[in-house]
Amino acid sequence: MDGTCSLDEAWARYWRSNRLASCGGEGGRPYQPAIVAHWDALLDALPSPVRLLDLCCGNGALALHALRRLRARGVTAAVTAVDRAPIDPARWLPTERDDLAAIHFHAGVAAEDLPFAENAFTAVLGQYALEYTDVARTLEACRRVLAPGGTLAFVLHAREGITVRAAAAQGEAVARLFALGYFPAADRLAADAERAGAAREEAARLFAAKDRALAALASGRVEPAMYANVRDVVRDALAHLGRVPVGVVRAKIAEVAEHVADHAARTGALLSAARGRDEIRSLFAPLPSWGFRFLGDCPEALEGPHGLLGWSVRLVRDEA
């Protein structure tokens, strides 16, 4: 309950849910409208037939959108998606199962080590994907599997963007929560529930103090919903003491702490992965010498109503 966890496990647990994407949009969309419009324009320009690869796909938000967009155009499309996590989208997203079944998902596959033949795809895409990998190795892998004339396109986290600012605030909020010691205090109270005397009274006093402090955080302006949700769930678990085994209550407290630690790990990864404009230019600088040409600027800004959402980079591999 110290706020640390394995990033790989954090992602594995994240995708064992009905979440379609990791950075959501509005109104139930997996991505913000500006990002959806960006991908639609790119998908609409792909010549038929399309053999598409989605990198770091998670539960398949981009792959699913691409499949549906291409089908709507009447384009023959084969969509493949890879992620290093042990993904199983059809299991966790039953309402999307029919379309997901048409996508060839590969779990446990890193973008740096793509198990596909040379020139296997006519388009390789990634939404908040490339920057989480060893970029140089992933770009080499993309060059190998992308056919001549094929399209290579990414949307990447912008260090200057609103998503990164929000992630930084969330990371600081989680750090305050773990520094408070709320979870250990709740666990101690549960563990001492069946004891009498001073130990039990001291555990109760300690938790009451931590609970008041968390309530104060929940009344603030930074991540109040997270603090309030944690407090509600933990207090509800403790309210069941005497009605369910102590181990069940402690397991619930540990589960909440693990969930918050997972969020901290993923947020930290996002902050580390985000790149500035000049860094993006530097990452992609070698590609013209590899036989690629840029479509538009490198990078292009994707703007939403509240600010910069991310960077877009689009390239085409030469036919020769």
Foldseek 3Di string as FASTA:
>chain_A
DLLADDLLVLLLVVLLAQQQEDDDDPPPQRHHPLVLVVVLVVLVPDDAPFEEEEEQQRLNRPQLSSVVSCVVVVGNYAAEYEHLHQHDNCVRNVVCNVSVVSYHYDYNDHLLHDPDAFQQGQEYEYEQGCLLHPNVSNVVSCNRNHHAQGKYKYWHAALPWPVLVLLVLLLVVLNVLSVLVQLVLLLQLLVCVPPDDDSNVVSVVSNVVSLVVLVVVLPDDGPNVLSVVLSVQLVVLVVCPVVDDSVVSNVSSVVSSVNSSSSSSVSVSSNSSHDHQVVQCVSCVCVVVVQKDWDDDRWDFRADPVGTGTTMTMIGGHND
